C-alpha atoms as a PDB file:
ATOM      1  CA  MET A   1      80.167 130.536 105.886  1.00  0.00           C
ATOM      2  CA  PRO A   2      81.478 133.982 107.022  1.00  0.00           C
ATOM      3  CA  SER A   3      82.822 135.966 104.187  1.00  0.00           C
ATOM      4  CA  VAL A   4      86.776 136.761 104.223  1.00  0.00           C
ATOM      5  CA  THR A   5      88.566 139.773 103.091  1.00  0.00           C
ATOM      6  CA  SER A   6      92.129 139.521 102.561  1.00  0.00           C
ATOM      7  CA  LEU A   7      94.087 142.758 102.885  1.00  0.00           C
ATOM      8  CA  GLY A   8      97.753 142.623 104.520  1.00  0.00           C
ATOM      9  CA  PRO A   9      98.285 140.199 107.241  1.00  0.00           C
ATOM     10  CA  ILE A  10      94.883 140.695 108.812  1.00  0.00           C
ATOM     11  CA  ARG A  11      91.865 138.483 108.042  1.00  0.00           C
ATOM     12  CA  ARG A  12      88.248 139.899 108.751  1.00  0.00           C
ATOM     13  CA  PHE A  13      85.511 137.201 108.958  1.00  0.00           C
ATOM     14  CA  GLY A  14      81.679 138.106 109.242  1.00  0.00           C
ATOM     15  CA  SER A  15      80.264 141.538 109.224  1.00  0.00           C
ATOM     16  CA  ALA A  16      81.727 144.602 108.323  1.00  0.00           C
ATOM     17  CA  ASP A  17      79.671 146.644 110.735  1.00  0.00           C
ATOM     18  CA  GLY A  18      81.855 149.281 112.438  1.00  0.00           C
ATOM     19  CA  SER A  19      79.244 149.615 115.222  1.00  0.00           C
ATOM     20  CA  LEU A  20      80.285 146.458 116.711  1.00  0.00           C
ATOM     21  CA  PRO A  21      83.338 146.072 118.631  1.00  0.00           C
ATOM     22  CA  ALA A  22      86.427 144.070 117.248  1.00  0.00           C
ATOM     23  CA  VAL A  23      88.840 141.394 118.647  1.00  0.00           C
ATOM     24  CA  LEU A  24      91.916 140.749 116.787  1.00  0.00           C
ATOM     25  CA  CYS A  25      93.332 137.142 117.378  1.00  0.00           C
ATOM     26  CA  PHE A  26      97.066 135.954 116.779  1.00  0.00           C
ATOM     27  CA  PRO A  27      97.661 132.216 116.402  1.00  0.00           C
ATOM     28  CA  HIS A  28     100.027 129.808 117.758  1.00  0.00           C
ATOM     29  CA  ALA A  29     103.385 128.887 116.096  1.00  0.00           C
ATOM     30  CA  GLY A  30     102.432 127.109 112.876  1.00  0.00           C
ATOM     31  CA  GLY A  31      98.732 128.240 113.421  1.00  0.00           C
ATOM     32  CA  CYS A  32      96.463 129.746 110.764  1.00  0.00           C
ATOM     33  CA  ALA A  33      94.173 132.839 110.626  1.00  0.00           C
ATOM     34  CA  SER A  34      91.328 130.185 109.625  1.00  0.00           C
ATOM     35  CA  PHE A  35      91.790 128.747 113.290  1.00  0.00           C
ATOM     36  CA  PHE A  36      89.643 131.311 114.555  1.00  0.00           C
ATOM     37  CA  ARG A  37      87.012 131.501 111.890  1.00  0.00           C
ATOM     38  CA  SER A  38      84.376 129.638 113.898  1.00  0.00           C
ATOM     39  CA  TRP A  39      84.803 131.985 116.546  1.00  0.00           C
ATOM     40  CA  GLN A  40      82.657 134.732 114.851  1.00  0.00           C
ATOM     41  CA  SER A  41      79.388 132.637 115.304  1.00  0.00           C
ATOM     42  CA  LEU A  42      80.347 132.281 118.901  1.00  0.00           C
ATOM     43  CA  LEU A  43      80.474 136.191 119.156  1.00  0.00           C
ATOM     44  CA  PRO A  44      78.007 137.349 116.919  1.00  0.00           C
ATOM     45  CA  ALA A  45      77.718 140.823 118.649  1.00  0.00           C
ATOM     46  CA  ALA A  46      81.370 141.256 117.746  1.00  0.00           C
ATOM     47  CA  ARG A  47      83.696 141.253 114.804  1.00  0.00           C
ATOM     48  CA  VAL A  48      86.264 138.613 114.789  1.00  0.00           C
ATOM     49  CA  HIS A  49      89.397 139.255 112.955  1.00  0.00           C
ATOM     50  CA  ALA A  50      92.782 137.157 112.887  1.00  0.00           C
ATOM     51  CA  VAL A  51      96.501 137.669 111.906  1.00  0.00           C
ATOM     52  CA  GLN A  52      97.790 135.510 108.837  1.00  0.00           C
ATOM     53  CA  TYR A  53     101.328 134.828 109.359  1.00  0.00           C
ATOM     54  CA  PRO A  54     103.854 134.197 106.179  1.00  0.00           C
ATOM     55  CA  GLY A  55     103.969 130.953 104.761  1.00  0.00           C
ATOM     56  CA  ARG A  56     100.297 129.544 105.075  1.00  0.00           C
ATOM     57  CA  GLU A  57      97.200 129.442 103.421  1.00  0.00           C
ATOM     58  CA  ASP A  58      96.953 132.537 101.217  1.00  0.00           C
ATOM     59  CA  ARG A  59     100.311 133.682 102.276  1.00  0.00           C
ATOM     60  CA  VAL A  60     102.190 130.374 101.420  1.00  0.00           C
ATOM     61  CA  LEU A  61     104.750 132.209  99.099  1.00  0.00           C
ATOM     62  CA  ASP A  62     105.389 135.063 101.679  1.00  0.00           C
ATOM     63  CA  GLU A  63     108.932 134.584 103.692  1.00  0.00           C
ATOM     64  CA  SER A  64     108.966 134.786 107.130  1.00  0.00           C
ATOM     65  CA  PRO A  65     110.428 137.867 108.677  1.00  0.00           C
ATOM     66  CA  ALA A  66     113.790 138.316 110.235  1.00  0.00           C
ATOM     67  CA  ARG A  67     112.349 139.128 113.768  1.00  0.00           C
ATOM     68  CA  LEU A  68     109.327 138.712 115.663  1.00  0.00           C
ATOM     69  CA  ARG A  69     108.928 142.397 116.099  1.00  0.00           C
ATOM     70  CA  ASP A  70     109.018 142.909 112.235  1.00  0.00           C
ATOM     71  CA  LEU A  71     105.846 140.460 112.074  1.00  0.00           C
ATOM     72  CA  ALA A  72     104.217 142.799 114.800  1.00  0.00           C
ATOM     73  CA  GLU A  73     105.101 145.882 112.956  1.00  0.00           C
ATOM     74  CA  ALA A  74     103.694 144.708 109.859  1.00  0.00           C
ATOM     75  CA  VAL A  75     100.339 144.030 111.653  1.00  0.00           C
ATOM     76  CA  ALA A  76     100.543 147.439 113.648  1.00  0.00           C
ATOM     77  CA  GLY A  77     101.130 149.236 110.253  1.00  0.00           C
ATOM     78  CA  GLN A  78      98.039 147.929 108.784  1.00  0.00           C
ATOM     79  CA  ILE A  79      96.087 148.967 111.835  1.00  0.00           C
ATOM     80  CA  LEU A  80      97.428 152.571 111.880  1.00  0.00           C
ATOM     81  CA  ALA A  81      96.900 152.969 108.205  1.00  0.00           C
ATOM     82  CA  GLY A  82      93.248 152.300 108.482  1.00  0.00           C
ATOM     83  CA  SER A  83      90.231 153.110 110.353  1.00  0.00           C
ATOM     84  CA  GLU A  84      89.946 150.010 112.355  1.00  0.00           C
ATOM     85  CA  ARG A  85      90.699 150.043 115.921  1.00  0.00           C
ATOM     86  CA  TYR A  86      90.437 146.932 118.147  1.00  0.00           C
ATOM     87  CA  SER A  87      88.871 146.552 121.733  1.00  0.00           C
ATOM     88  CA  VAL A  88      90.789 143.232 122.436  1.00  0.00           C
ATOM     89  CA  LEU A  89      93.996 141.752 121.184  1.00  0.00           C
ATOM     90  CA  PHE A  90      93.921 138.219 122.097  1.00  0.00           C
ATOM     91  CA  GLY A  91      97.286 135.946 121.360  1.00  0.00           C
ATOM     92  CA  HIS A  92      97.623 132.199 122.153  1.00  0.00           C
ATOM     93  CA  SER A  93     101.177 130.689 122.673  1.00  0.00           C
ATOM     94  CA  MET A  94     103.624 132.248 120.013  1.00  0.00           C
ATOM     95  CA  GLY A  95     100.680 134.769 119.449  1.00  0.00           C
ATOM     96  CA  ALA A  96     100.708 136.101 122.728  1.00  0.00           C
ATOM     97  CA  TYR A  97     104.118 137.619 122.044  1.00  0.00           C
ATOM     98  CA  VAL A  98     103.075 139.037 118.758  1.00  0.00           C
ATOM     99  CA  ALA A  99     100.133 140.699 120.301  1.00  0.00           C
ATOM    100  CA  PHE A 100     101.903 142.159 122.925  1.00  0.00           C
ATOM    101  CA  GLU A 101     104.710 143.583 120.424  1.00  0.00           C
ATOM    102  CA  VAL A 102     101.731 144.932 118.339  1.00  0.00           C
ATOM    103  CA  ALA A 103      99.952 146.572 121.450  1.00  0.00           C
ATOM    104  CA  HIS A 104     103.637 148.127 122.240  1.00  0.00           C
ATOM    105  CA  CYS A 105     103.548 149.342 118.669  1.00  0.00           C
ATOM    106  CA  LEU A 106     100.199 150.825 119.014  1.00  0.00           C
ATOM    107  CA  ARG A 107     101.154 152.536 122.301  1.00  0.00           C
ATOM    108  CA  GLU A 108     104.077 154.158 120.721  1.00  0.00           C
ATOM    109  CA  ALA A 109     101.858 155.483 117.924  1.00  0.00           C
ATOM    110  CA  GLY A 110      99.546 156.946 120.313  1.00  0.00           C
ATOM    111  CA  ALA A 111      96.683 154.732 119.280  1.00  0.00           C
ATOM    112  CA  GLY A 112      96.697 151.942 122.272  1.00  0.00           C
ATOM    113  CA  VAL A 113      94.228 148.909 122.590  1.00  0.00           C
ATOM    114  CA  PRO A 114      92.171 148.687 125.826  1.00  0.00           C
ATOM    115  CA  THR A 115      92.603 145.038 126.478  1.00  0.00           C
ATOM    116  CA  LEU A 116      95.342 142.616 125.748  1.00  0.00           C
ATOM    117  CA  VAL A 117      94.877 138.786 126.369  1.00  0.00           C
ATOM    118  CA  VAL A 118      97.796 136.325 126.315  1.00  0.00           C
ATOM    119  CA  SER A 119      96.997 132.905 126.298  1.00  0.00           C
ATOM    120  CA  SER A 120      99.118 129.800 127.012  1.00  0.00           C
ATOM    121  CA  ALA A 121     102.373 131.757 127.136  1.00  0.00           C
ATOM    122  CA  ALA A 122     105.013 132.356 129.832  1.00  0.00           C
ATOM    123  CA  ALA A 123     106.016 135.777 130.452  1.00  0.00           C
ATOM    124  CA  PRO A 124     108.644 136.564 127.488  1.00  0.00           C
ATOM    125  CA  ALA A 125     111.916 136.679 129.564  1.00  0.00           C
ATOM    126  CA  LEU A 126     110.772 133.172 131.146  1.00  0.00           C
ATOM    127  CA  ARG A 127     109.553 131.414 128.176  1.00  0.00           C
ATOM    128  CA  PRO A 128     110.797 128.015 127.729  1.00  0.00           C
ATOM    129  CA  PRO A 129     113.740 126.899 125.074  1.00  0.00           C
ATOM    130  CA  VAL A 130     112.237 126.508 121.827  1.00  0.00           C
ATOM    131  CA  PRO A 131     114.269 124.491 119.063  1.00  0.00           C
ATOM    132  CA  PHE A 132     113.622 125.397 115.344  1.00  0.00           C
ATOM    133  CA  GLU A 133     116.439 123.862 113.123  1.00  0.00           C
ATOM    134  CA  ASP A 134     116.235 120.148 113.313  1.00  0.00           C
ATOM    135  CA  SER A 135     113.042 118.454 112.348  1.00  0.00           C
ATOM    136  CA  ALA A 136     113.486 115.641 114.818  1.00  0.00           C
ATOM    137  CA  ASP A 137     113.765 118.276 117.617  1.00  0.00           C
ATOM    138  CA  VAL A 138     111.043 120.132 116.803  1.00  0.00           C
ATOM    139  CA  LEU A 139     108.736 117.127 116.555  1.00  0.00           C
ATOM    140  CA  ARG A 140     109.640 116.049 119.929  1.00  0.00           C
ATOM    141  CA  TYR A 141     108.891 119.613 121.085  1.00  0.00           C
ATOM    142  CA  LEU A 142     105.478 119.789 119.536  1.00  0.00           C
ATOM    143  CA  GLU A 143     104.722 116.391 121.161  1.00  0.00           C
ATOM    144  CA  ARG A 144     104.676 118.298 124.667  1.00  0.00           C
ATOM    145  CA  TYR A 145     102.078 120.596 123.570  1.00  0.00           C
ATOM    146  CA  GLU A 146      99.760 118.644 120.884  1.00  0.00           C
ATOM    147  CA  PRO A 147     101.185 115.465 119.047  1.00  0.00           C
ATOM    148  CA  VAL A 148     101.222 115.612 115.125  1.00  0.00           C
ATOM    149  CA  SER A 149      98.476 113.259 114.005  1.00  0.00           C
ATOM    150  CA  PRO A 150      99.363 110.111 112.572  1.00  0.00           C
ATOM    151  CA  GLU A 151      98.111 111.096 109.094  1.00  0.00           C
ATOM    152  CA  ILE A 152     100.457 113.851 108.875  1.00  0.00           C
ATOM    153  CA  ARG A 153     103.350 111.942 110.067  1.00  0.00           C
ATOM    154  CA  GLN A 154     102.874 109.425 107.432  1.00  0.00           C
ATOM    155  CA  ASP A 155     102.769 111.833 104.495  1.00  0.00           C
ATOM    156  CA  GLU A 156     106.390 112.908 104.442  1.00  0.00           C
ATOM    157  CA  GLU A 157     105.850 115.717 101.802  1.00  0.00           C
ATOM    158  CA  LEU A 158     103.034 117.282 103.789  1.00  0.00           C
ATOM    159  CA  LEU A 159     105.010 116.999 107.129  1.00  0.00           C
ATOM    160  CA  GLU A 160     108.082 118.657 105.825  1.00  0.00           C
ATOM    161  CA  LEU A 161     105.996 121.463 104.587  1.00  0.00           C
ATOM    162  CA  ILE A 162     103.982 121.992 107.944  1.00  0.00           C
ATOM    163  CA  LEU A 163     107.393 121.815 109.763  1.00  0.00           C
ATOM    164  CA  ASP A 164     108.911 124.549 107.360  1.00  0.00           C
ATOM    165  CA  TYR A 165     106.712 127.310 108.557  1.00  0.00           C
ATOM    166  CA  ILE A 166     106.532 125.828 112.155  1.00  0.00           C
ATOM    167  CA  LYS A 167     110.501 126.209 112.067  1.00  0.00           C
ATOM    168  CA  ASP A 168     109.905 129.640 110.981  1.00  0.00           C
ATOM    169  CA  ASP A 169     107.682 130.686 113.813  1.00  0.00           C
ATOM    170  CA  LEU A 170     109.882 128.983 116.398  1.00  0.00           C
ATOM    171  CA  ARG A 171     112.744 130.594 115.284  1.00  0.00           C
ATOM    172  CA  LEU A 172     111.120 134.023 115.569  1.00  0.00           C
ATOM    173  CA  VAL A 173     110.104 133.046 119.282  1.00  0.00           C
ATOM    174  CA  ALA A 174     113.411 131.479 120.121  1.00  0.00           C
ATOM    175  CA  ARG A 175     115.376 134.756 118.985  1.00  0.00           C
ATOM    176  CA  TYR A 176     112.881 137.128 120.590  1.00  0.00           C
ATOM    177  CA  ARG A 177     114.403 139.498 122.709  1.00  0.00           C
ATOM    178  CA  GLU A 178     112.751 142.925 122.107  1.00  0.00           C
ATOM    179  CA  HIS A 179     110.505 142.539 125.100  1.00  0.00           C
ATOM    180  CA  ALA A 180     112.965 143.517 127.491  1.00  0.00           C
ATOM    181  CA  GLY A 181     111.988 146.353 129.613  1.00  0.00           C
ATOM    182  CA  LYS A 182     108.784 146.739 127.574  1.00  0.00           C
ATOM    183  CA  ARG A 183     105.460 147.957 129.332  1.00  0.00           C
ATOM    184  CA  ILE A 184     102.046 148.607 127.920  1.00  0.00           C
ATOM    185  CA  ASP A 185      99.287 150.654 129.505  1.00  0.00           C
ATOM    186  CA  ALA A 186      96.485 148.159 128.429  1.00  0.00           C
ATOM    187  CA  ARG A 187      94.430 145.947 130.978  1.00  0.00           C
ATOM    188  CA  LEU A 188      96.459 142.568 130.600  1.00  0.00           C
ATOM    189  CA  VAL A 189      94.572 139.180 131.148  1.00  0.00           C
ATOM    190  CA  ALA A 190      96.726 136.162 131.326  1.00  0.00           C
ATOM    191  CA  VAL A 191      94.876 132.923 130.623  1.00  0.00           C
ATOM    192  CA  VAL A 192      96.491 129.436 131.209  1.00  0.00           C
ATOM    193  CA  GLY A 193      95.213 125.943 131.244  1.00  0.00           C
ATOM    194  CA  GLU A 194      95.408 124.056 134.391  1.00  0.00           C
ATOM    195  CA  ASP A 195      97.241 121.103 132.749  1.00  0.00           C
ATOM    196  CA  ASP A 196      99.499 123.133 130.517  1.00  0.00           C
ATOM    197  CA  ILE A 197     103.262 122.090 130.985  1.00  0.00           C
ATOM    198  CA  PRO A 198     104.921 123.521 134.237  1.00  0.00           C
ATOM    199  CA  GLU A 199     107.478 125.830 132.468  1.00  0.00           C
ATOM    200  CA  ILE A 200     104.229 127.883 131.112  1.00  0.00           C
ATOM    201  CA  ARG A 201     101.901 127.374 133.998  1.00  0.00           C
ATOM    202  CA  SER A 202     104.020 128.491 136.549  1.00  0.00           C
ATOM    203  CA  HIS A 203     105.402 131.698 134.736  1.00  0.00           C
ATOM    204  CA  THR A 204     102.200 133.520 133.372  1.00  0.00           C
ATOM    205  CA  GLY A 205     101.895 135.656 136.434  1.00  0.00           C
ATOM    206  CA  GLN A 206     105.068 137.602 135.612  1.00  0.00           C
ATOM    207  CA  TRP A 207     103.072 139.199 132.658  1.00  0.00           C
ATOM    208  CA  ARG A 208     102.274 141.709 135.503  1.00  0.00           C
ATOM    209  CA  ASP A 209     105.431 143.362 134.783  1.00  0.00           C
ATOM    210  CA  HIS A 210     104.771 144.324 131.086  1.00  0.00           C
ATOM    211  CA  THR A 211     101.833 146.501 131.873  1.00  0.00           C
ATOM    212  CA  GLU A 212     100.868 149.715 133.659  1.00  0.00           C
ATOM    213  CA  GLY A 213      97.214 148.665 133.609  1.00  0.00           C
ATOM    214  CA  ALA A 214      95.266 146.068 135.407  1.00  0.00           C
ATOM    215  CA  PHE A 215      96.704 142.735 135.585  1.00  0.00           C
ATOM    216  CA  VAL A 216      94.163 139.641 135.696  1.00  0.00           C
ATOM    217  CA  PRO A 217      95.397 136.164 135.758  1.00  0.00           C
ATOM    218  CA  VAL A 218      93.016 133.295 134.758  1.00  0.00           C
ATOM    219  CA  VAL A 219      93.194 129.559 135.049  1.00  0.00           C
ATOM    220  CA  THR A 220      90.966 127.264 132.852  1.00  0.00           C
ATOM    221  CA  PRO A 221      90.425 123.634 132.631  1.00  0.00           C
ATOM    222  CA  GLY A 222      92.531 121.825 129.912  1.00  0.00           C
ATOM    223  CA  GLY A 223      96.101 121.771 128.473  1.00  0.00           C
ATOM    224  CA  HIS A 224      98.055 124.095 126.287  1.00  0.00           C
ATOM    225  CA  PHE A 225      95.367 123.777 123.466  1.00  0.00           C
ATOM    226  CA  TYR A 226      92.439 124.166 125.837  1.00  0.00           C
ATOM    227  CA  LEU A 227      90.924 126.618 123.162  1.00  0.00           C
ATOM    228  CA  ARG A 228      90.142 123.987 120.579  1.00  0.00           C
ATOM    229  CA  ASN A 229      87.455 122.302 122.761  1.00  0.00           C
ATOM    230  CA  ASP A 230      86.601 125.331 125.026  1.00  0.00           C
ATOM    231  CA  PRO A 231      87.247 128.799 123.060  1.00  0.00           C
ATOM    232  CA  PRO A 232      87.541 131.541 125.676  1.00  0.00           C
ATOM    233  CA  THR A 233      84.732 133.418 123.750  1.00  0.00           C
ATOM    234  CA  GLY A 234      82.925 134.238 127.136  1.00  0.00           C
ATOM    235  CA  LEU A 235      85.956 135.760 128.482  1.00  0.00           C
ATOM    236  CA  ILE A 236      86.550 137.780 125.329  1.00  0.00           C
ATOM    237  CA  ALA A 237      82.899 138.815 125.120  1.00  0.00           C
ATOM    238  CA  ALA A 238      83.190 140.219 128.715  1.00  0.00           C
ATOM    239  CA  GLU A 239      86.273 142.235 127.932  1.00  0.00           C
ATOM    240  CA  LEU A 240      84.912 143.514 124.600  1.00  0.00           C
ATOM    241  CA  ALA A 241      81.676 144.760 126.911  1.00  0.00           C
ATOM    242  CA  ARG A 242      84.041 146.153 129.499  1.00  0.00           C
ATOM    243  CA  SER A 243      86.040 148.361 126.818  1.00  0.00           C
ATOM    244  CA  TRP A 244      83.003 149.127 124.860  1.00  0.00           C
ATOM    245  CA  GLY A 245      80.992 150.278 127.734  1.00  0.00           C
ATOM    246  CA  LYS A 246      77.766 147.939 127.224  1.00  0.00           C
ATOM    247  CA  ALA A 247      76.856 144.243 127.233  1.00  0.00           C
ATOM    248  CA  LEU A 248      77.377 142.262 124.278  1.00  0.00           C
END
């Protein structure tokens, strides 16, 4: 198994070889950094890192921030404080908004990222309404994207624990307003599953308004969680190679 080094919100899988390009991945609401662990073996010529949100796995005791921007600033702060620089940021669903804010923080600090890949996310101003207070409302909301397994539903204590940090994440998304008027200068690739919900599928093109760089829309087979069965590692490898200047 790849080794994992824990320091701040970023988790590093596999090699620490600084001569290899790196991608930083941002999970969906309720997701964990370990969701991307297996991607390291699919990208052997790169380094796969991922963000661990508060409230889960090794950050189970950490409180959720007040704003999504606060979460992004913590990630950007760790990047700026170290020597690591990323060729690609990849954010799925909620992670797309966190990754965008991180890209904006880095641009403000003069340390921009070459490519941002936003996955299964409507443009910020057009994202669908998100419930985050009532458990029944949240469960109904989740059913549209990926049903909760019967095993988890039958374990009330586990279900409530999971819903607690999903609600925290959804609260950040529901109250996310800092995107207004923001643009980055990175290449922005917007990926959406052809069977994703209409409110997302029809509003990915408007991401073009958030970058001064190239905008590349990509439609892929599958629904909101297309990446479970078909991780977009080929696309990421191509974007890493583009920014790195050589084939991987």
